[in-house]
Protein backbone atom coordinates (compact mmCIF):
# COMPACT_ATOMS: atom_id res chain seq x y z
CA MET A 1 75.87 68.87 114.72
CA CYS A 2 77.87 71.03 117.16
CA ASN A 3 76.40 74.34 117.95
CA ASN A 4 78.08 77.01 120.05
CA VAL A 5 75.07 77.63 122.28
CA TYR A 6 75.67 80.18 125.01
CA LEU A 7 74.20 79.15 128.36
CA ASP A 8 75.59 81.96 130.50
CA GLY A 9 72.97 84.55 129.52
CA SER A 10 75.39 86.96 127.84
CA SER A 11 74.43 88.85 124.71
CA GLY A 12 74.70 86.65 121.63
CA VAL A 13 75.72 89.57 119.41
CA PHE A 14 78.35 90.73 121.90
CA ARG A 15 79.83 87.22 121.89
CA VAL A 16 79.68 87.20 118.08
CA GLY A 17 81.73 90.38 117.89
CA LEU A 18 84.33 89.02 120.27
CA SER A 19 84.53 85.72 118.39
CA ILE A 20 85.14 87.51 115.09
CA ILE A 21 87.90 89.58 116.67
CA LEU A 22 89.50 86.45 118.12
CA ARG A 23 89.29 84.71 114.75
CA ALA A 24 90.93 87.74 113.16
CA THR A 25 93.88 87.21 115.48
CA PHE A 26 94.08 83.45 115.75
CA SER A 27 92.46 81.89 112.67
CA SER A 28 91.62 82.20 109.00
CA GLY A 29 88.23 82.30 107.28
CA PRO A 30 87.02 80.81 103.99
CA THR A 31 88.84 83.52 102.06
CA PRO A 32 92.09 85.28 102.98
CA ARG A 33 91.44 88.61 104.70
CA SER A 34 93.66 91.05 106.52
CA THR A 35 93.61 91.18 110.29
CA MET A 36 92.50 94.81 110.28
CA ALA A 37 89.55 94.07 108.00
CA ALA A 38 88.42 91.21 110.21
CA LEU A 39 88.82 93.36 113.33
CA LYS A 40 86.59 95.95 111.70
CA LEU A 41 83.95 93.29 111.08
CA GLY A 42 84.20 92.22 114.69
CA LEU A 43 83.62 95.76 115.88
CA MET A 44 80.67 96.04 113.50
CA ALA A 45 79.15 92.97 115.14
CA LEU A 46 79.79 94.45 118.59
CA ALA A 47 78.15 97.76 117.75
CA PRO A 48 74.51 96.57 117.89
CA ALA A 49 75.06 95.08 121.34
CA LEU A 50 76.58 98.29 122.61
CA ALA A 51 73.74 100.31 121.12
CA ALA A 52 71.15 98.24 123.04
CA ALA A 53 68.66 98.27 120.18
CA ALA A 54 65.63 96.03 119.66
CA ASP A 55 65.84 92.26 120.12
CA ILE A 56 66.49 90.05 117.10
CA PRO A 57 63.50 87.75 116.45
CA LEU A 58 63.54 83.96 116.56
CA TRP A 59 65.33 82.47 113.51
CA GLY A 60 66.86 85.88 112.68
CA GLN A 61 70.54 86.30 111.90
CA CYS A 62 72.54 87.55 114.89
CA GLY A 63 76.09 87.75 113.56
CA GLY A 64 78.72 86.69 111.05
CA ILE A 65 81.21 88.28 108.69
CA GLY A 66 79.57 91.13 106.80
CA TRP A 67 76.42 91.05 108.92
CA GLN A 68 74.85 94.30 110.08
CA SER A 69 71.63 94.77 112.03
CA ALA A 70 69.94 97.16 114.42
CA GLY A 71 69.10 94.28 116.76
CA SER A 72 71.07 93.99 119.99
CA ALA A 73 70.52 90.38 121.00
CA CYS A 74 68.27 87.43 120.37
CA THR A 75 64.78 87.55 121.79
CA SER A 76 64.50 86.04 125.29
CA VAL A 77 63.29 82.66 123.98
CA ALA A 78 66.32 82.23 121.71
CA THR A 79 70.09 82.04 121.87
CA CYS A 80 72.66 83.13 119.28
CA THR A 81 74.23 80.05 117.68
CA SER A 82 77.28 79.96 115.38
CA TYR A 83 77.10 77.77 112.27
CA ASN A 84 80.15 79.20 110.50
CA ASP A 85 82.10 82.46 110.12
CA TYR A 86 79.35 83.96 108.00
CA TYR A 87 76.19 82.92 109.76
CA TYR A 88 74.91 83.07 113.34
CA GLN A 89 71.22 82.44 113.99
CA CYS A 90 68.77 83.01 116.87
CA VAL A 91 67.52 79.51 117.64
CA PRO A 92 65.14 78.35 120.40
CA LYS A 93 66.64 77.79 123.80
CA PRO A 94 66.54 74.16 124.99
CA THR A 95 63.21 73.27 126.57
CA SER A 96 64.31 70.04 128.22
CA ALA A 97 65.86 69.91 131.67
CA VAL A 98 69.54 70.74 131.49
CA VAL A 99 72.26 70.10 134.04
CA VAL A 100 75.21 72.44 133.58
CA THR A 101 78.64 71.98 135.10
CA THR A 102 81.14 74.78 134.55
CA SER A 103 84.85 74.96 135.27
CA THR A 104 87.43 77.59 134.37
CA LYS A 105 91.04 76.78 133.52
CA PRO A 106 93.86 78.13 131.34
CA VAL A 107 93.80 76.72 127.82
CA THR A 108 96.42 77.10 125.11
CA VAL A 109 94.88 77.95 121.76
CA SER A 110 96.82 77.40 118.54
CA ALA A 111 95.70 78.27 115.03
CA THR A 112 97.16 78.63 111.57
CA THR A 113 96.51 81.54 109.25
CA THR A 114 97.02 81.02 105.54
CA SER A 115 97.47 83.61 102.80
CA LYS A 116 96.97 83.35 99.04
CA ALA A 117 100.70 82.82 98.74
CA SER A 118 100.26 79.69 100.89
CA THR A 119 102.45 81.02 103.69
CA SER A 120 101.34 80.15 107.19
CA THR A 121 101.96 81.39 110.70
CA THR A 122 101.05 79.50 113.85
CA LEU A 123 99.94 81.65 116.76
CA SER A 124 99.55 80.49 120.32
CA THR A 125 98.18 82.17 123.42
CA SER A 126 96.96 81.18 126.86
CA ILE A 127 93.46 82.32 127.77
CA LYS A 128 90.82 81.38 130.33
CA ILE A 129 87.63 79.84 129.04
CA SER A 130 84.66 78.18 130.69
CA SER A 131 84.10 74.57 129.69
CA THR A 132 80.50 73.44 130.01
CA SER A 133 79.12 69.92 130.08
CA ILE A 134 75.43 69.45 129.30
CA LYS A 135 73.11 66.57 130.05
CA SER A 136 69.65 66.57 128.52
CA THR A 137 66.77 64.69 130.06
CA SER A 138 64.55 64.86 126.98
CA SER A 139 63.30 61.62 125.46
CA SER A 140 63.83 60.77 121.81
CA SER A 141 61.68 57.65 121.56
CA VAL A 142 59.10 57.64 118.76
CA PRO A 143 56.94 54.95 117.19
CA ALA A 144 58.79 53.07 114.46
CA PRO A 145 57.57 54.10 110.98
CA SER A 146 56.37 51.47 108.57
CA ALA A 147 59.19 50.18 106.38
CA THR A 148 56.69 49.54 103.60
CA THR A 149 55.44 53.13 103.37
CA ALA A 150 58.25 55.45 104.44
CA LYS A 151 61.21 56.47 102.33
CA TYR A 152 64.49 57.49 103.90
CA PHE A 153 66.39 60.51 102.65
CA ILE A 154 69.83 60.38 104.27
CA SER A 155 71.97 63.43 103.58
CA PHE A 156 75.38 64.88 104.33
CA GLY A 157 76.87 68.31 103.72
CA ASP A 158 77.62 71.78 105.03
CA SER A 159 75.65 74.96 105.81
CA TYR A 160 73.97 74.86 102.40
CA SER A 161 72.28 71.64 103.59
CA GLN A 162 72.10 71.82 107.39
CA THR A 163 68.77 71.63 109.19
CA GLY A 164 70.17 71.27 112.71
CA PHE A 165 69.21 67.61 113.05
CA ASP A 166 70.46 65.86 116.20
CA ILE A 167 70.42 62.07 115.96
CA ASN A 168 69.90 61.89 119.74
CA GLY A 169 66.74 64.00 119.59
CA SER A 170 63.26 63.35 118.25
CA LYS A 171 63.28 61.09 115.22
CA PRO A 172 61.71 61.94 111.85
CA SER A 173 58.01 61.14 111.62
CA SER A 174 54.96 61.93 109.53
CA SER A 175 54.27 64.96 111.75
CA ASN A 176 57.82 66.28 111.39
CA PRO A 177 59.84 64.67 108.59
CA LEU A 178 63.00 66.43 109.78
CA GLY A 179 62.70 64.90 113.24
CA ASN A 180 64.23 67.85 115.02
CA PRO A 181 64.05 70.78 115.09
CA ALA A 182 60.63 71.57 113.64
CA LEU A 183 60.31 72.65 110.02
CA PRO A 184 62.02 74.50 108.46
CA GLY A 185 64.85 73.49 110.77
CA TRP A 186 67.93 75.55 111.60
CA THR A 187 68.92 76.55 108.11
CA ALA A 188 71.08 79.19 106.47
CA SER A 189 68.40 80.10 103.93
CA GLY A 190 65.80 82.00 105.95
CA GLY A 191 63.33 79.14 105.61
CA LEU A 192 63.27 75.73 103.98
CA ASN A 193 66.43 74.56 102.27
CA TRP A 194 66.64 71.87 99.58
CA VAL A 195 66.45 69.05 102.14
CA GLY A 196 63.33 70.53 103.74
CA PHE A 197 61.64 71.06 100.38
CA LEU A 198 62.21 67.45 99.36
CA ALA A 199 60.95 66.11 102.69
CA SER A 200 57.88 68.32 103.03
CA GLN A 201 56.72 69.95 99.78
CA LEU A 202 58.13 68.30 96.67
CA ASN A 203 57.41 64.75 97.80
CA THR A 204 54.32 62.66 97.08
CA SER A 205 55.10 59.97 99.66
CA LEU A 206 56.25 60.01 103.28
CA THR A 207 59.92 61.01 103.14
CA LEU A 208 61.85 60.91 106.41
CA SER A 209 64.99 63.04 106.49
CA TYR A 210 68.08 61.96 108.41
CA ASN A 211 70.30 64.95 107.73
CA PHE A 212 73.83 64.76 109.14
CA ALA A 213 75.00 68.01 107.47
CA SER A 214 77.09 70.35 109.62
CA GLY A 215 77.59 74.06 108.96
CA GLY A 216 81.15 74.87 107.90
CA ALA A 217 81.95 71.26 106.94
CA THR A 218 84.73 70.25 104.61
CA THR A 219 85.17 66.75 103.22
CA ASN A 220 88.08 65.85 105.46
CA ALA A 221 89.30 68.13 108.24
CA SER A 222 92.85 66.82 107.88
CA LEU A 223 92.94 68.05 104.27
CA VAL A 224 91.00 71.32 104.53
CA THR A 225 90.58 72.62 108.06
CA PRO A 226 87.08 73.86 108.96
CA PHE A 227 86.68 77.21 110.70
CA ALA A 228 86.28 75.48 114.09
CA PRO A 229 87.29 72.07 115.49
CA THR A 230 83.70 71.36 116.51
CA VAL A 231 82.54 71.26 112.88
CA LEU A 232 81.71 67.75 111.66
CA SER A 233 83.41 67.02 108.34
CA PHE A 234 81.91 64.63 105.80
CA VAL A 235 84.19 61.96 107.27
CA ASP A 236 82.78 62.71 110.74
CA GLN A 237 79.20 62.76 109.47
CA VAL A 238 79.54 59.31 107.92
CA ALA A 239 81.04 58.07 111.18
CA GLN A 240 77.98 59.46 112.97
CA PHE A 241 75.74 57.62 110.52
CA SER A 242 77.71 54.42 111.06
CA SER A 243 77.27 54.62 114.82
CA SER A 244 73.55 55.41 114.68
CA ILE A 245 71.31 54.26 111.84
CA ALA A 246 73.68 52.12 109.76
CA SER A 247 72.44 49.14 111.77
CA ARG A 248 68.85 49.95 110.69
CA PRO A 249 67.31 50.36 114.14
CA ALA A 250 63.57 49.98 114.66
CA TYR A 251 63.01 53.72 114.34
CA ALA A 252 64.81 53.83 110.96
CA PRO A 253 64.25 50.54 109.09
CA TRP A 254 65.78 51.74 105.84
CA ASN A 255 66.98 49.36 103.16
CA SER A 256 68.69 49.56 99.79
CA GLU A 257 65.40 50.14 97.97
CA ASN A 258 63.60 52.67 100.16
CA SER A 259 66.58 54.95 100.79
CA LEU A 260 68.40 57.68 98.92
CA PHE A 261 71.79 58.94 100.08
CA ALA A 262 72.63 62.53 99.16
CA VAL A 263 75.86 64.52 99.50
CA TRP A 264 76.26 68.25 98.88
CA ILE A 265 79.64 69.45 100.00
CA GLY A 266 82.50 71.38 98.46
CA VAL A 267 81.93 75.11 99.00
CA ASN A 268 84.30 75.12 101.96
CA ASP A 269 86.83 72.82 100.30
CA VAL A 270 86.99 75.13 97.29
CA GLY A 271 86.44 78.26 99.38
CA ASN A 272 89.64 77.53 101.28
CA SER A 273 91.77 76.57 98.27
CA TRP A 274 90.65 78.37 95.10
CA TRP A 275 93.77 80.55 95.02
CA LEU A 276 96.21 77.61 94.90
CA GLY A 277 98.42 76.99 91.89
CA GLU A 278 97.34 74.34 89.40
CA SER A 279 99.65 71.54 90.56
CA GLU A 280 98.92 72.16 94.24
CA MET A 281 95.18 72.34 93.58
CA ASN A 282 95.24 69.12 91.54
CA ALA A 283 97.04 67.30 94.34
CA LEU A 284 94.66 68.58 97.02
CA TYR A 285 91.48 67.88 95.06
CA GLY A 286 92.72 64.39 94.27
CA LYS A 287 93.12 63.68 97.98
CA ILE A 288 89.71 65.20 98.71
CA MET A 289 88.10 62.90 96.14
CA ASP A 290 89.89 59.89 97.62
CA SER A 291 88.40 60.72 101.00
CA TYR A 292 84.97 61.61 99.55
CA PHE A 293 84.55 58.34 97.66
CA GLY A 294 86.09 56.38 100.50
CA ARG A 295 83.12 57.57 102.58
CA LEU A 296 80.70 56.64 99.79
CA GLN A 297 82.18 53.15 99.88
CA VAL A 298 81.48 52.99 103.62
CA LEU A 299 77.86 53.89 102.90
CA TYR A 300 77.71 51.30 100.13
CA GLU A 301 79.05 48.60 102.45
CA ALA A 302 76.32 49.55 104.93
CA GLY A 303 73.68 48.86 102.28
CA ALA A 304 73.26 52.15 100.43
CA ARG A 305 72.58 51.67 96.72
CA ASN A 306 70.99 54.92 95.58
CA PHE A 307 73.24 57.99 95.57
CA VAL A 308 72.71 61.57 94.47
CA LEU A 309 75.75 63.83 94.55
CA LEU A 310 75.39 67.57 94.15
CA GLY A 311 78.21 69.45 92.48
CA ALA A 312 79.99 72.19 94.39
CA ALA A 313 77.87 75.34 94.33
CA PRO A 314 79.01 78.33 92.26
CA ILE A 315 80.18 80.51 95.15
CA TYR A 316 81.42 83.04 92.59
CA TYR A 317 77.79 84.22 92.29
CA THR A 318 77.57 85.08 95.99
CA PRO A 319 77.60 88.78 96.90
CA LEU A 320 80.65 88.17 99.07
CA MET A 321 82.77 86.85 96.22
CA ILE A 322 81.49 89.37 93.68
CA ASP A 323 82.69 92.08 96.06
CA GLU A 324 86.15 90.48 95.93
CA GLY A 325 86.44 91.48 92.27
CA ALA A 326 86.49 90.03 88.76
CA SER A 327 89.82 88.27 89.23
CA THR A 328 88.53 86.32 92.23
CA VAL A 329 85.34 85.37 90.38
CA ALA A 330 87.26 84.13 87.35
CA THR A 331 89.68 82.08 89.45
CA GLN A 332 86.86 80.53 91.45
CA LYS A 333 85.02 79.51 88.28
CA VAL A 334 88.07 77.50 87.26
CA ALA A 335 88.35 75.89 90.70
CA ILE A 336 84.65 74.97 90.88
CA ALA A 337 84.75 73.50 87.35
CA LYS A 338 87.83 71.44 88.22
CA TYR A 339 86.26 70.13 91.43
CA ASN A 340 83.01 69.18 89.69
CA SER A 341 84.81 67.53 86.78
CA LEU A 342 86.72 65.33 89.22
CA LEU A 343 83.48 64.56 91.04
CA ALA A 344 81.88 63.37 87.79
CA SER A 345 84.78 61.14 86.77
CA ARG A 346 85.15 59.64 90.22
CA LEU A 347 81.43 58.89 90.42
CA GLU A 348 81.67 57.05 87.12
CA ALA A 349 84.56 54.97 88.47
CA PHE A 350 82.66 54.29 91.71
CA LEU A 351 79.65 52.96 89.79
CA GLU A 352 81.84 50.75 87.63
CA VAL A 353 83.19 49.04 90.74
CA ASN A 354 79.84 48.91 92.54
CA CYS A 355 77.73 47.78 89.62
CA ASP A 356 74.48 47.34 91.57
CA ALA A 357 74.51 50.96 92.74
CA THR A 358 72.74 53.86 91.06
CA GLY A 359 74.31 57.30 91.16
CA LYS A 360 73.37 60.68 89.74
CA LEU A 361 75.36 63.91 89.73
CA VAL A 362 73.25 67.05 89.98
CA ASP A 363 74.62 70.24 88.43
CA THR A 364 74.02 73.00 90.99
CA VAL A 365 75.44 75.72 88.77
CA ALA A 366 72.30 75.66 86.60
CA PRO A 367 69.79 76.40 89.41
CA PHE A 368 71.92 79.27 90.69
CA GLU A 369 72.30 80.72 87.19
CA LYS A 370 68.58 80.44 86.53
CA ALA A 371 67.93 82.70 89.51
CA VAL A 372 70.78 85.19 89.18
CA LYS A 373 70.10 85.76 85.48
CA ASN A 374 66.44 86.57 86.14
CA PRO A 375 66.19 87.70 89.78
CA THR A 376 62.89 89.56 89.45
CA ALA A 377 61.18 86.31 88.45
CA TYR A 378 62.04 85.04 91.92
CA GLY A 379 60.96 88.12 93.86
CA ALA A 380 64.34 89.83 94.10
CA PRO A 381 65.18 93.34 92.85
CA ASP A 382 68.63 92.26 91.64
CA ALA A 383 71.09 89.38 91.73
CA THR A 384 73.21 90.50 94.66
CA CYS A 385 70.92 91.81 97.40
CA TYR A 386 70.52 89.72 100.54
CA ASN A 387 68.00 89.72 103.36
CA GLU A 388 67.60 87.46 106.36
CA ASP A 389 63.92 86.90 105.53
CA GLY A 390 65.24 84.57 102.82
CA VAL A 391 62.62 85.54 100.22
CA SER A 392 62.83 89.24 99.32
CA CYS A 393 66.32 88.70 97.88
CA LEU A 394 68.03 85.74 96.24
CA TRP A 395 70.49 85.55 99.11
CA PHE A 396 69.93 85.02 102.83
CA ASN A 397 73.26 86.68 103.55
CA ASN A 398 76.31 87.44 101.45
CA TYR A 399 77.40 83.79 101.23
CA HIS A 400 74.24 81.68 101.53
CA PRO A 401 71.42 81.26 99.00
CA GLY A 402 67.89 82.08 100.07
CA VAL A 403 64.74 80.03 99.79
CA GLN A 404 64.16 80.43 96.04
CA ILE A 405 67.60 79.16 94.99
CA GLN A 406 67.32 76.33 97.51
CA LYS A 407 63.99 75.34 95.98
CA LEU A 408 65.50 75.30 92.49
CA VAL A 409 68.24 72.99 93.77
CA ALA A 410 65.62 70.72 95.36
CA GLN A 411 63.70 70.55 92.08
CA ALA A 412 66.90 69.55 90.26
CA VAL A 413 67.49 66.73 92.75
CA LYS A 414 63.91 65.54 92.41
CA SER A 415 64.25 65.48 88.63
CA ALA A 416 67.46 63.45 88.88
CA PHE A 417 65.72 60.78 90.97
CA ALA A 418 62.25 60.88 89.45
CA GLY A 419 59.86 58.64 91.32
CA PHE A 420 61.70 58.47 94.62
CA PHE A 421 60.05 61.47 96.22
């Protein structure tokens, strides 16, 4: 996945504040917001840096829309990395030798802002940025796992699924089933997410995770534009799979029987379209499903036979959307239900054509509801608090579920494919 890692030594939080202000001027987020509101958020992110307070610890949140903290910058061993508009995290600095080449030149930046009324304005400006090329000298060679004992969990998605896996880094092994980074990975949950749980705690056999999920991903960037051009859409993620482990290299000798392909995507597709009119939404979601199942067909042609698809998560339960008001929540419920209904019918059609494939659709609304309707049972004081520790509240931040909800999702996936893990 593409991470905006800062190599120039500047304060991560200071850069976060500036990036939010720039996005307020030149781009749109998952939900329509006024420029002044976004500028205010940017200044809020800048404030900790200007106050020069205590460092933010490793794996702590260091920025994002709605984020507030007394920390000034990531601890010296970490760097502030952007996953999406809502979540920046202090992740370890690279330990391998790095060669950096920097050049500065004028660049024209264009972006489109979209309102609920579907009107758009394209803005363009010329600014100077530093472009950096990085070469890593780290080795990624590992002993090939046994094809007779290992199972391969190959997943795709967005920030609800990301673990920060880099296909060019260390490969999954019995000592670290995620490959890289180390457990729990770079997640937006404050700890393990559903992928990590299935690969390390809820499994009874060696389960190696090849997780291509990218924070901020949509299904197809040409249909719903991600928050940044560096985000890998589902289309891009499948292309990355095709160019890496589709050929079943020695380090990943998966086959149709020992592999399970999982997809959890949709929160950004719906999050950027829930306000559309019925006819416009139907047309867009139809195109999204065409692209989605076109990618599944690519995976099938590569040899995938076991599929688990997770329905779009109920973002209307997130603190962010609840703060938007009852009307927003009601409209989003309709959009999520429509998306998931299409997902179910298209999966049925896919399995009718590919009769030797097995596919299950996991309802993610149920795990979320189980937690939000009884938050104290999961260690939270209420259904809307959030904390970057990922466990004292149901939510890691105002848009991402914490560890307990992620575990409930993992348990639902395990139940759907009983015996695989």
